[in-house]
Amino acid sequence: MAHKKGAGSTKNGRDSNAKRLGVKVVGGKFIQTGQIIVRQRGYSFHAGSNVGIGKDYTLYALKDGYVVYSDTKLNKKRVSVDLNPWEKFITEIGYSDWSSFVRNT
């Protein structure tokens, strides 16, 4: 029985697939509901207003708007989605979205 493996065999050659983590949408860009903003492991970026968090810490948009990055403590960043001015007004007066405002007027 041989004590060494045959020629050409190696202990290397195994590697995991890349996970494609990182920022998917930069600041100032328009984003639609449900689109992914950041894929991450842990909380490198924190969710701000109108941003949801997935079970794998993925940040995604809860409403249409423009992506805004701001600094927080300890070198962390907060990601928010700013709404259009008319949509800000609608949410401030108590409606969830434009269609519910139109139905009730």
PDB file of N, CA and C in Angstrom:
ATOM      1  N   MET A   1       0.843  -1.169   0.000  1.00  0.00           N
ATOM      2  CA  MET A   1       0.000   0.000   0.000  1.00  0.00           C
ATOM      3  C   MET A   1       0.892   1.237   0.000  1.00  0.00           C
ATOM      4  N   ALA A   2       0.569   2.181  -0.883  1.00  0.00           N
ATOM      5  CA  ALA A   2       1.395   3.389  -1.029  1.00  0.00           C
ATOM      6  C   ALA A   2       1.166   4.346   0.141  1.00  0.00           C
ATOM      7  N   HIS A   3       2.250   5.011   0.509  1.00  0.00           N
ATOM      8  CA  HIS A   3       2.139   6.000   1.577  1.00  0.00           C
ATOM      9  C   HIS A   3       2.038   7.410   1.044  1.00  0.00           C
ATOM     10  N   LYS A   4       2.216   7.590  -0.258  1.00  0.00           N
ATOM     11  CA  LYS A   4       2.108   8.919  -0.870  1.00  0.00           C
ATOM     12  C   LYS A   4       1.098   8.845  -2.000  1.00  0.00           C
ATOM     13  N   LYS A   5       0.432   9.971  -2.208  1.00  0.00           N
ATOM     14  CA  LYS A   5      -0.531  10.002  -3.305  1.00  0.00           C
ATOM     15  C   LYS A   5       0.215  10.061  -4.623  1.00  0.00           C
ATOM     16  N   GLY A   6      -0.472   9.707  -5.666  1.00  0.00           N
ATOM     17  CA  GLY A   6       0.162   9.681  -6.978  1.00  0.00           C
ATOM     18  C   GLY A   6       0.536  11.070  -7.468  1.00  0.00           C
ATOM     19  N   ALA A   7       1.332  11.120  -8.509  1.00  0.00           N
ATOM     20  CA  ALA A   7       1.788  12.391  -9.073  1.00  0.00           C
ATOM     21  C   ALA A   7       0.612  13.203  -9.578  1.00  0.00           C
ATOM     22  N   GLY A   8       0.696  14.484  -9.357  1.00  0.00           N
ATOM     23  CA  GLY A   8      -0.358  15.378  -9.855  1.00  0.00           C
ATOM     24  C   GLY A   8      -1.451  15.652  -8.845  1.00  0.00           C
ATOM     25  N   SER A   9      -1.552  14.878  -7.808  1.00  0.00           N
ATOM     26  CA  SER A   9      -2.585  15.177  -6.821  1.00  0.00           C
ATOM     27  C   SER A   9      -2.073  16.278  -5.899  1.00  0.00           C
ATOM     28  N   THR A  10      -2.973  17.023  -5.366  1.00  0.00           N
ATOM     29  CA  THR A  10      -2.570  18.156  -4.539  1.00  0.00           C
ATOM     30  C   THR A  10      -3.594  18.401  -3.446  1.00  0.00           C
ATOM     31  N   LYS A  11      -3.184  19.067  -2.408  1.00  0.00           N
ATOM     32  CA  LYS A  11      -4.108  19.408  -1.332  1.00  0.00           C
ATOM     33  C   LYS A  11      -4.781  20.752  -1.573  1.00  0.00           C
ATOM     34  N   ASN A  12      -4.348  21.468  -2.592  1.00  0.00           N
ATOM     35  CA  ASN A  12      -4.925  22.773  -2.903  1.00  0.00           C
ATOM     36  C   ASN A  12      -6.081  22.614  -3.891  1.00  0.00           C
ATOM     37  N   GLY A  13      -6.570  23.728  -4.408  1.00  0.00           N
ATOM     38  CA  GLY A  13      -7.552  23.655  -5.482  1.00  0.00           C
ATOM     39  C   GLY A  13      -8.991  23.809  -5.038  1.00  0.00           C
ATOM     40  N   ARG A  14      -9.231  24.095  -3.768  1.00  0.00           N
ATOM     41  CA  ARG A  14     -10.607  24.314  -3.316  1.00  0.00           C
ATOM     42  C   ARG A  14     -10.739  25.770  -2.905  1.00  0.00           C
ATOM     43  N   ASP A  15     -11.817  26.406  -3.341  1.00  0.00           N
ATOM     44  CA  ASP A  15     -12.059  27.796  -2.977  1.00  0.00           C
ATOM     45  C   ASP A  15     -13.548  28.059  -3.088  1.00  0.00           C
ATOM     46  N   SER A  16     -14.062  28.958  -2.278  1.00  0.00           N
ATOM     47  CA  SER A  16     -15.487  29.282  -2.332  1.00  0.00           C
ATOM     48  C   SER A  16     -15.733  30.336  -3.407  1.00  0.00           C
ATOM     49  N   ASN A  17     -16.953  30.371  -3.881  1.00  0.00           N
ATOM     50  CA  ASN A  17     -17.328  31.367  -4.876  1.00  0.00           C
ATOM     51  C   ASN A  17     -17.390  32.752  -4.240  1.00  0.00           C
ATOM     52  N   ALA A  18     -17.093  33.769  -5.030  1.00  0.00           N
ATOM     53  CA  ALA A  18     -17.182  35.141  -4.542  1.00  0.00           C
ATOM     54  C   ALA A  18     -18.636  35.475  -4.220  1.00  0.00           C
ATOM     55  N   LYS A  19     -18.871  36.252  -3.170  1.00  0.00           N
ATOM     56  CA  LYS A  19     -20.238  36.560  -2.724  1.00  0.00           C
ATOM     57  C   LYS A  19     -20.764  37.877  -3.269  1.00  0.00           C
ATOM     58  N   ARG A  20     -19.941  38.627  -3.983  1.00  0.00           N
ATOM     59  CA  ARG A  20     -20.334  39.889  -4.620  1.00  0.00           C
ATOM     60  C   ARG A  20     -20.933  40.874  -3.618  1.00  0.00           C
ATOM     61  N   LEU A  21     -20.220  41.083  -2.524  1.00  0.00           N
ATOM     62  CA  LEU A  21     -20.662  42.013  -1.493  1.00  0.00           C
ATOM     63  C   LEU A  21     -20.263  43.430  -1.872  1.00  0.00           C
ATOM     64  N   GLY A  22     -20.864  44.400  -1.199  1.00  0.00           N
ATOM     65  CA  GLY A  22     -20.461  45.791  -1.377  1.00  0.00           C
ATOM     66  C   GLY A  22     -21.615  46.695  -1.740  1.00  0.00           C
ATOM     67  N   VAL A  23     -21.269  47.940  -2.047  1.00  0.00           N
ATOM     68  CA  VAL A  23     -22.256  48.963  -2.394  1.00  0.00           C
ATOM     69  C   VAL A  23     -22.729  48.735  -3.821  1.00  0.00           C
ATOM     70  N   LYS A  24     -24.043  48.700  -4.009  1.00  0.00           N
ATOM     71  CA  LYS A  24     -24.622  48.482  -5.337  1.00  0.00           C
ATOM     72  C   LYS A  24     -25.134  49.777  -5.957  1.00  0.00           C
ATOM     73  N   VAL A  25     -25.507  50.752  -5.114  1.00  0.00           N
ATOM     74  CA  VAL A  25     -26.005  52.040  -5.611  1.00  0.00           C
ATOM     75  C   VAL A  25     -25.276  53.144  -4.857  1.00  0.00           C
ATOM     76  N   VAL A  26     -24.673  54.076  -5.590  1.00  0.00           N
ATOM     77  CA  VAL A  26     -23.934  55.167  -4.961  1.00  0.00           C
ATOM     78  C   VAL A  26     -24.887  56.294  -4.571  1.00  0.00           C
ATOM     79  N   GLY A  27     -24.406  57.216  -3.752  1.00  0.00           N
ATOM     80  CA  GLY A  27     -25.223  58.331  -3.279  1.00  0.00           C
ATOM     81  C   GLY A  27     -25.665  59.244  -4.406  1.00  0.00           C
ATOM     82  N   GLY A  28     -26.890  59.744  -4.287  1.00  0.00           N
ATOM     83  CA  GLY A  28     -27.431  60.666  -5.276  1.00  0.00           C
ATOM     84  C   GLY A  28     -28.181  60.006  -6.410  1.00  0.00           C
ATOM     85  N   LYS A  29     -28.107  58.698  -6.532  1.00  0.00           N
ATOM     86  CA  LYS A  29     -28.789  57.983  -7.610  1.00  0.00           C
ATOM     87  C   LYS A  29     -30.227  57.669  -7.221  1.00  0.00           C
ATOM     88  N   PHE A  30     -31.120  57.680  -8.204  1.00  0.00           N
ATOM     89  CA  PHE A  30     -32.520  57.332  -7.975  1.00  0.00           C
ATOM     90  C   PHE A  30     -32.635  55.817  -7.851  1.00  0.00           C
ATOM     91  N   ILE A  31     -33.461  55.378  -6.909  1.00  0.00           N
ATOM     92  CA  ILE A  31     -33.642  53.949  -6.673  1.00  0.00           C
ATOM     93  C   ILE A  31     -35.127  53.666  -6.515  1.00  0.00           C
ATOM     94  N   GLN A  32     -35.538  52.480  -6.940  1.00  0.00           N
ATOM     95  CA  GLN A  32     -36.937  52.088  -6.840  1.00  0.00           C
ATOM     96  C   GLN A  32     -37.141  51.142  -5.665  1.00  0.00           C
ATOM     97  N   THR A  33     -38.390  51.005  -5.251  1.00  0.00           N
ATOM     98  CA  THR A  33     -38.737  50.155  -4.123  1.00  0.00           C
ATOM     99  C   THR A  33     -38.237  48.730  -4.346  1.00  0.00           C
ATOM    100  N   GLY A  34     -37.580  48.182  -3.337  1.00  0.00           N
ATOM    101  CA  GLY A  34     -37.106  46.807  -3.398  1.00  0.00           C
ATOM    102  C   GLY A  34     -35.716  46.619  -3.949  1.00  0.00           C
ATOM    103  N   GLN A  35     -35.144  47.637  -4.564  1.00  0.00           N
ATOM    104  CA  GLN A  35     -33.802  47.488  -5.114  1.00  0.00           C
ATOM    105  C   GLN A  35     -32.764  47.444  -3.996  1.00  0.00           C
ATOM    106  N   ILE A  36     -31.727  46.656  -4.204  1.00  0.00           N
ATOM    107  CA  ILE A  36     -30.675  46.476  -3.210  1.00  0.00           C
ATOM    108  C   ILE A  36     -29.710  47.651  -3.273  1.00  0.00           C
ATOM    109  N   ILE A  37     -29.387  48.182  -2.085  1.00  0.00           N
ATOM    110  CA  ILE A  37     -28.448  49.297  -1.988  1.00  0.00           C
ATOM    111  C   ILE A  37     -27.064  48.777  -1.606  1.00  0.00           C
ATOM    112  N   VAL A  38     -26.985  47.934  -0.559  1.00  0.00           N
ATOM    113  CA  VAL A  38     -25.704  47.406  -0.078  1.00  0.00           C
ATOM    114  C   VAL A  38     -25.881  45.946   0.305  1.00  0.00           C
ATOM    115  N   ARG A  39     -24.934  45.103  -0.115  1.00  0.00           N
ATOM    116  CA  ARG A  39     -24.843  43.728   0.389  1.00  0.00           C
ATOM    117  C   ARG A  39     -23.649  43.681   1.317  1.00  0.00           C
ATOM    118  N   GLN A  40     -23.847  43.133   2.516  1.00  0.00           N
ATOM    119  CA  GLN A  40     -22.788  43.177   3.519  1.00  0.00           C
ATOM    120  C   GLN A  40     -22.893  42.009   4.477  1.00  0.00           C
ATOM    121  N   ARG A  41     -21.815  41.786   5.215  1.00  0.00           N
ATOM    122  CA  ARG A  41     -21.804  40.830   6.316  1.00  0.00           C
ATOM    123  C   ARG A  41     -21.680  41.644   7.588  1.00  0.00           C
ATOM    124  N   GLY A  42     -22.693  41.629   8.426  1.00  0.00           N
ATOM    125  CA  GLY A  42     -22.697  42.469   9.620  1.00  0.00           C
ATOM    126  C   GLY A  42     -23.155  43.872   9.269  1.00  0.00           C
ATOM    127  N   TYR A  43     -22.974  44.801  10.218  1.00  0.00           N
ATOM    128  CA  TYR A  43     -23.470  46.158  10.044  1.00  0.00           C
ATOM    129  C   TYR A  43     -22.356  47.134   9.705  1.00  0.00           C
ATOM    130  N   SER A  44     -21.780  47.043   8.526  1.00  0.00           N
ATOM    131  CA  SER A  44     -20.847  48.061   8.064  1.00  0.00           C
ATOM    132  C   SER A  44     -21.610  49.342   7.757  1.00  0.00           C
ATOM    133  N   PHE A  45     -22.807  49.193   7.178  1.00  0.00           N
ATOM    134  CA  PHE A  45     -23.706  50.303   6.888  1.00  0.00           C
ATOM    135  C   PHE A  45     -24.983  50.083   7.690  1.00  0.00           C
ATOM    136  N   HIS A  46     -25.498  51.147   8.291  1.00  0.00           N
ATOM    137  CA  HIS A  46     -26.736  51.064   9.064  1.00  0.00           C
ATOM    138  C   HIS A  46     -27.893  51.600   8.236  1.00  0.00           C
ATOM    139  N   ALA A  47     -29.090  51.090   8.497  1.00  0.00           N
ATOM    140  CA  ALA A  47     -30.275  51.503   7.758  1.00  0.00           C
ATOM    141  C   ALA A  47     -30.822  52.804   8.330  1.00  0.00           C
ATOM    142  N   GLY A  48     -31.122  53.744   7.444  1.00  0.00           N
ATOM    143  CA  GLY A  48     -31.741  55.004   7.828  1.00  0.00           C
ATOM    144  C   GLY A  48     -33.211  54.981   7.455  1.00  0.00           C
ATOM    145  N   SER A  49     -33.754  56.144   7.141  1.00  0.00           N
ATOM    146  CA  SER A  49     -35.168  56.233   6.796  1.00  0.00           C
ATOM    147  C   SER A  49     -35.427  55.627   5.417  1.00  0.00           C
ATOM    148  N   ASN A  50     -36.526  54.914   5.311  1.00  0.00           N
ATOM    149  CA  ASN A  50     -36.981  54.276   4.071  1.00  0.00           C
ATOM    150  C   ASN A  50     -36.019  53.219   3.546  1.00  0.00           C
ATOM    151  N   VAL A  51     -35.271  52.585   4.452  1.00  0.00           N
ATOM    152  CA  VAL A  51     -34.353  51.503   4.079  1.00  0.00           C
ATOM    153  C   VAL A  51     -34.643  50.306   4.978  1.00  0.00           C
ATOM    154  N   GLY A  52     -34.785  49.125   4.373  1.00  0.00           N
ATOM    155  CA  GLY A  52     -35.038  47.898   5.119  1.00  0.00           C
ATOM    156  C   GLY A  52     -33.789  47.053   5.222  1.00  0.00           C
ATOM    157  N   ILE A  53     -33.813  46.088   6.160  1.00  0.00           N
ATOM    158  CA  ILE A  53     -32.675  45.205   6.381  1.00  0.00           C
ATOM    159  C   ILE A  53     -33.119  43.766   6.175  1.00  0.00           C
ATOM    160  N   GLY A  54     -32.413  43.021   5.326  1.00  0.00           N
ATOM    161  CA  GLY A  54     -32.693  41.611   5.111  1.00  0.00           C
ATOM    162  C   GLY A  54     -32.042  40.759   6.180  1.00  0.00           C
ATOM    163  N   LYS A  55     -32.354  39.464   6.185  1.00  0.00           N
ATOM    164  CA  LYS A  55     -31.797  38.581   7.211  1.00  0.00           C
ATOM    165  C   LYS A  55     -30.296  38.373   7.043  1.00  0.00           C
ATOM    166  N   ASP A  56     -29.763  38.646   5.865  1.00  0.00           N
ATOM    167  CA  ASP A  56     -28.312  38.568   5.657  1.00  0.00           C
ATOM    168  C   ASP A  56     -27.677  39.957   5.674  1.00  0.00           C
ATOM    169  N   TYR A  57     -28.328  40.924   6.338  1.00  0.00           N
ATOM    170  CA  TYR A  57     -27.870  42.303   6.519  1.00  0.00           C
ATOM    171  C   TYR A  57     -27.879  43.118   5.226  1.00  0.00           C
ATOM    172  N   THR A  58     -28.552  42.646   4.197  1.00  0.00           N
ATOM    173  CA  THR A  58     -28.672  43.403   2.962  1.00  0.00           C
ATOM    174  C   THR A  58     -29.587  44.597   3.180  1.00  0.00           C
ATOM    175  N   LEU A  59     -29.173  45.768   2.704  1.00  0.00           N
ATOM    176  CA  LEU A  59     -29.993  46.968   2.804  1.00  0.00           C
ATOM    177  C   LEU A  59     -30.706  47.186   1.475  1.00  0.00           C
ATOM    178  N   TYR A  60     -32.014  47.466   1.538  1.00  0.00           N
ATOM    179  CA  TYR A  60     -32.806  47.664   0.326  1.00  0.00           C
ATOM    180  C   TYR A  60     -33.786  48.813   0.531  1.00  0.00           C
ATOM    181  N   ALA A  61     -34.261  49.380  -0.562  1.00  0.00           N
ATOM    182  CA  ALA A  61     -35.141  50.544  -0.512  1.00  0.00           C
ATOM    183  C   ALA A  61     -36.576  50.130  -0.219  1.00  0.00           C
ATOM    184  N   LEU A  62     -37.212  50.846   0.720  1.00  0.00           N
ATOM    185  CA  LEU A  62     -38.617  50.615   1.026  1.00  0.00           C
ATOM    186  C   LEU A  62     -39.523  51.524   0.210  1.00  0.00           C
ATOM    187  N   LYS A  63     -38.972  52.606  -0.343  1.00  0.00           N
ATOM    188  CA  LYS A  63     -39.728  53.537  -1.180  1.00  0.00           C
ATOM    189  C   LYS A  63     -38.835  54.045  -2.297  1.00  0.00           C
ATOM    190  N   ASP A  64     -39.457  54.571  -3.353  1.00  0.00           N
ATOM    191  CA  ASP A  64     -38.709  55.203  -4.436  1.00  0.00           C
ATOM    192  C   ASP A  64     -38.092  56.501  -3.929  1.00  0.00           C
ATOM    193  N   GLY A  65     -36.881  56.798  -4.367  1.00  0.00           N
ATOM    194  CA  GLY A  65     -36.243  58.048  -3.964  1.00  0.00           C
ATOM    195  C   GLY A  65     -34.771  58.054  -4.311  1.00  0.00           C
ATOM    196  N   TYR A  66     -34.044  58.955  -3.671  1.00  0.00           N
ATOM    197  CA  TYR A  66     -32.626  59.132  -3.938  1.00  0.00           C
ATOM    198  C   TYR A  66     -31.804  58.641  -2.748  1.00  0.00           C
ATOM    199  N   VAL A  67     -30.738  57.902  -3.029  1.00  0.00           N
ATOM    200  CA  VAL A  67     -29.895  57.313  -1.988  1.00  0.00           C
ATOM    201  C   VAL A  67     -29.009  58.398  -1.377  1.00  0.00           C
ATOM    202  N   VAL A  68     -28.943  58.411  -0.041  1.00  0.00           N
ATOM    203  CA  VAL A  68     -28.116  59.369   0.685  1.00  0.00           C
ATOM    204  C   VAL A  68     -27.291  58.615   1.723  1.00  0.00           C
ATOM    205  N   TYR A  69     -25.976  58.861   1.729  1.00  0.00           N
ATOM    206  CA  TYR A  69     -25.083  58.289   2.722  1.00  0.00           C
ATOM    207  C   TYR A  69     -24.683  59.384   3.705  1.00  0.00           C
ATOM    208  N   SER A  70     -24.702  59.069   5.003  1.00  0.00           N
ATOM    209  CA  SER A  70     -24.250  60.029   6.010  1.00  0.00           C
ATOM    210  C   SER A  70     -23.406  59.287   7.041  1.00  0.00           C
ATOM    211  N   ASP A  71     -22.508  60.021   7.708  1.00  0.00           N
ATOM    212  CA  ASP A  71     -21.611  59.423   8.697  1.00  0.00           C
ATOM    213  C   ASP A  71     -22.301  59.301  10.046  1.00  0.00           C
ATOM    214  N   THR A  72     -21.944  58.258  10.783  1.00  0.00           N
ATOM    215  CA  THR A  72     -22.370  58.101  12.167  1.00  0.00           C
ATOM    216  C   THR A  72     -21.113  57.918  13.005  1.00  0.00           C
ATOM    217  N   LYS A  73     -21.267  57.546  14.255  1.00  0.00           N
ATOM    218  CA  LYS A  73     -20.110  57.332  15.123  1.00  0.00           C
ATOM    219  C   LYS A  73     -19.339  56.072  14.721  1.00  0.00           C
ATOM    220  N   LEU A  74     -18.094  56.029  15.121  1.00  0.00           N
ATOM    221  CA  LEU A  74     -17.243  54.844  14.959  1.00  0.00           C
ATOM    222  C   LEU A  74     -17.053  54.404  13.506  1.00  0.00           C
ATOM    223  N   ASN A  75     -16.868  55.364  12.616  1.00  0.00           N
ATOM    224  CA  ASN A  75     -16.583  55.082  11.207  1.00  0.00           C
ATOM    225  C   ASN A  75     -17.665  54.255  10.518  1.00  0.00           C
ATOM    226  N   LYS A  76     -18.880  54.368  10.968  1.00  0.00           N
ATOM    227  CA  LYS A  76     -19.994  53.687  10.309  1.00  0.00           C
ATOM    228  C   LYS A  76     -20.704  54.676   9.403  1.00  0.00           C
ATOM    229  N   LYS A  77     -21.459  54.162   8.459  1.00  0.00           N
ATOM    230  CA  LYS A  77     -22.254  55.019   7.581  1.00  0.00           C
ATOM    231  C   LYS A  77     -23.712  54.641   7.719  1.00  0.00           C
ATOM    232  N   ARG A  78     -24.583  55.624   7.552  1.00  0.00           N
ATOM    233  CA  ARG A  78     -26.028  55.412   7.565  1.00  0.00           C
ATOM    234  C   ARG A  78     -26.527  55.640   6.142  1.00  0.00           C
ATOM    235  N   VAL A  79     -27.362  54.725   5.653  1.00  0.00           N
ATOM    236  CA  VAL A  79     -27.914  54.818   4.306  1.00  0.00           C
ATOM    237  C   VAL A  79     -29.393  55.131   4.427  1.00  0.00           C
ATOM    238  N   SER A  80     -29.836  56.181   3.746  1.00  0.00           N
ATOM    239  CA  SER A  80     -31.237  56.576   3.747  1.00  0.00           C
ATOM    240  C   SER A  80     -31.701  56.755   2.310  1.00  0.00           C
ATOM    241  N   VAL A  81     -33.023  56.776   2.135  1.00  0.00           N
ATOM    242  CA  VAL A  81     -33.612  57.074   0.834  1.00  0.00           C
ATOM    243  C   VAL A  81     -34.471  58.319   1.009  1.00  0.00           C
ATOM    244  N   ASP A  82     -34.073  59.418   0.348  1.00  0.00           N
ATOM    245  CA  ASP A  82     -34.850  60.653   0.383  1.00  0.00           C
ATOM    246  C   ASP A  82     -35.966  60.567  -0.644  1.00  0.00           C
ATOM    247  N   LEU A  83     -37.160  60.965  -0.240  1.00  0.00           N
ATOM    248  CA  LEU A  83     -38.326  60.917  -1.113  1.00  0.00           C
ATOM    249  C   LEU A  83     -38.402  62.174  -1.966  1.00  0.00           C
ATOM    250  N   ASN A  84     -39.219  62.103  -3.005  1.00  0.00           N
ATOM    251  CA  ASN A  84     -39.510  63.296  -3.795  1.00  0.00           C
ATOM    252  C   ASN A  84     -40.253  64.292  -2.913  1.00  0.00           C
ATOM    253  N   PRO A  85     -40.160  65.597  -3.196  1.00  0.00           N
ATOM    254  CA  PRO A  85     -40.818  66.589  -2.341  1.00  0.00           C
ATOM    255  C   PRO A  85     -42.322  66.367  -2.189  1.00  0.00           C
ATOM    256  N   TRP A  86     -43.015  65.998  -3.270  1.00  0.00           N
ATOM    257  CA  TRP A  86     -44.464  65.792  -3.160  1.00  0.00           C
ATOM    258  C   TRP A  86     -44.768  64.569  -2.298  1.00  0.00           C
ATOM    259  N   GLU A  87     -43.919  63.548  -2.349  1.00  0.00           N
ATOM    260  CA  GLU A  87     -44.158  62.357  -1.548  1.00  0.00           C
ATOM    261  C   GLU A  87     -43.858  62.622  -0.069  1.00  0.00           C
ATOM    262  N   LYS A  88     -42.857  63.469   0.213  1.00  0.00           N
ATOM    263  CA  LYS A  88     -42.598  63.872   1.594  1.00  0.00           C
ATOM    264  C   LYS A  88     -43.827  64.558   2.172  1.00  0.00           C
ATOM    265  N   PHE A  89     -44.425  65.451   1.383  1.00  0.00           N
ATOM    266  CA  PHE A  89     -45.610  66.172   1.839  1.00  0.00           C
ATOM    267  C   PHE A  89     -46.760  65.215   2.137  1.00  0.00           C
ATOM    268  N   ILE A  90     -46.983  64.233   1.245  1.00  0.00           N
ATOM    269  CA  ILE A  90     -48.079  63.271   1.419  1.00  0.00           C
ATOM    270  C   ILE A  90     -47.880  62.467   2.711  1.00  0.00           C
ATOM    271  N   THR A  91     -46.650  62.014   2.972  1.00  0.00           N
ATOM    272  CA  THR A  91     -46.401  61.224   4.186  1.00  0.00           C
ATOM    273  C   THR A  91     -46.484  62.085   5.445  1.00  0.00           C
ATOM    274  N   GLU A  92     -46.114  63.352   5.341  1.00  0.00           N
ATOM    275  CA  GLU A  92     -46.192  64.235   6.507  1.00  0.00           C
ATOM    276  C   GLU A  92     -47.632  64.514   6.926  1.00  0.00           C
ATOM    277  N   ILE A  93     -48.563  64.546   5.969  1.00  0.00           N
ATOM    278  CA  ILE A  93     -49.958  64.820   6.332  1.00  0.00           C
ATOM    279  C   ILE A  93     -50.716  63.541   6.683  1.00  0.00           C
ATOM    280  N   GLY A  94     -50.024  62.382   6.664  1.00  0.00           N
ATOM    281  CA  GLY A  94     -50.621  61.179   7.224  1.00  0.00           C
ATOM    282  C   GLY A  94     -51.024  60.088   6.259  1.00  0.00           C
ATOM    283  N   TYR A  95     -50.713  60.211   4.994  1.00  0.00           N
ATOM    284  CA  TYR A  95     -51.041  59.161   4.026  1.00  0.00           C
ATOM    285  C   TYR A  95     -49.812  58.303   3.777  1.00  0.00           C
ATOM    286  N   SER A  96     -50.032  57.020   3.471  1.00  0.00           N
ATOM    287  CA  SER A  96     -48.897  56.119   3.264  1.00  0.00           C
ATOM    288  C   SER A  96     -48.256  56.293   1.894  1.00  0.00           C
ATOM    289  N   ASP A  97     -49.075  56.591   0.869  1.00  0.00           N
ATOM    290  CA  ASP A  97     -48.534  56.792  -0.475  1.00  0.00           C
ATOM    291  C   ASP A  97     -49.508  57.616  -1.306  1.00  0.00           C
ATOM    292  N   TRP A  98     -49.119  57.885  -2.548  1.00  0.00           N
ATOM    293  CA  TRP A  98     -49.893  58.743  -3.433  1.00  0.00           C
ATOM    294  C   TRP A  98     -51.264  58.160  -3.740  1.00  0.00           C
ATOM    295  N   SER A  99     -51.367  56.859  -3.959  1.00  0.00           N
ATOM    296  CA  SER A  99     -52.654  56.255  -4.334  1.00  0.00           C
ATOM    297  C   SER A  99     -53.678  56.377  -3.207  1.00  0.00           C
ATOM    298  N   SER A 100     -53.257  56.226  -1.954  1.00  0.00           N
ATOM    299  CA  SER A 100     -54.208  56.370  -0.848  1.00  0.00           C
ATOM    300  C   SER A 100     -54.624  57.838  -0.698  1.00  0.00           C
ATOM    301  N   PHE A 101     -53.747  58.778  -1.010  1.00  0.00           N
ATOM    302  CA  PHE A 101     -54.099  60.188  -0.982  1.00  0.00           C
ATOM    303  C   PHE A 101     -55.154  60.502  -2.041  1.00  0.00           C
ATOM    304  N   VAL A 102     -54.969  59.978  -3.243  1.00  0.00           N
ATOM    305  CA  VAL A 102     -55.908  60.226  -4.347  1.00  0.00           C
ATOM    306  C   VAL A 102     -57.268  59.600  -4.066  1.00  0.00           C
ATOM    307  N   ARG A 103     -57.289  58.393  -3.491  1.00  0.00           N
ATOM    308  CA  ARG A 103     -58.549  57.736  -3.163  1.00  0.00           C
ATOM    309  C   ARG A 103     -59.377  58.517  -2.160  1.00  0.00           C
ATOM    310  N   ASN A 104     -58.709  59.143  -1.190  1.00  0.00           N
ATOM    311  CA  ASN A 104     -59.420  59.823  -0.103  1.00  0.00           C
ATOM    312  C   ASN A 104     -59.740  61.285  -0.400  1.00  0.00           C
ATOM    313  N   THR A 105     -59.301  61.803  -1.530  1.00  0.00           N
ATOM    314  CA  THR A 105     -59.606  63.210  -1.840  1.00  0.00           C
ATOM    315  C   THR A 105     -60.742  63.311  -2.820  1.00  0.00           C
TER     316      THR A 105
END
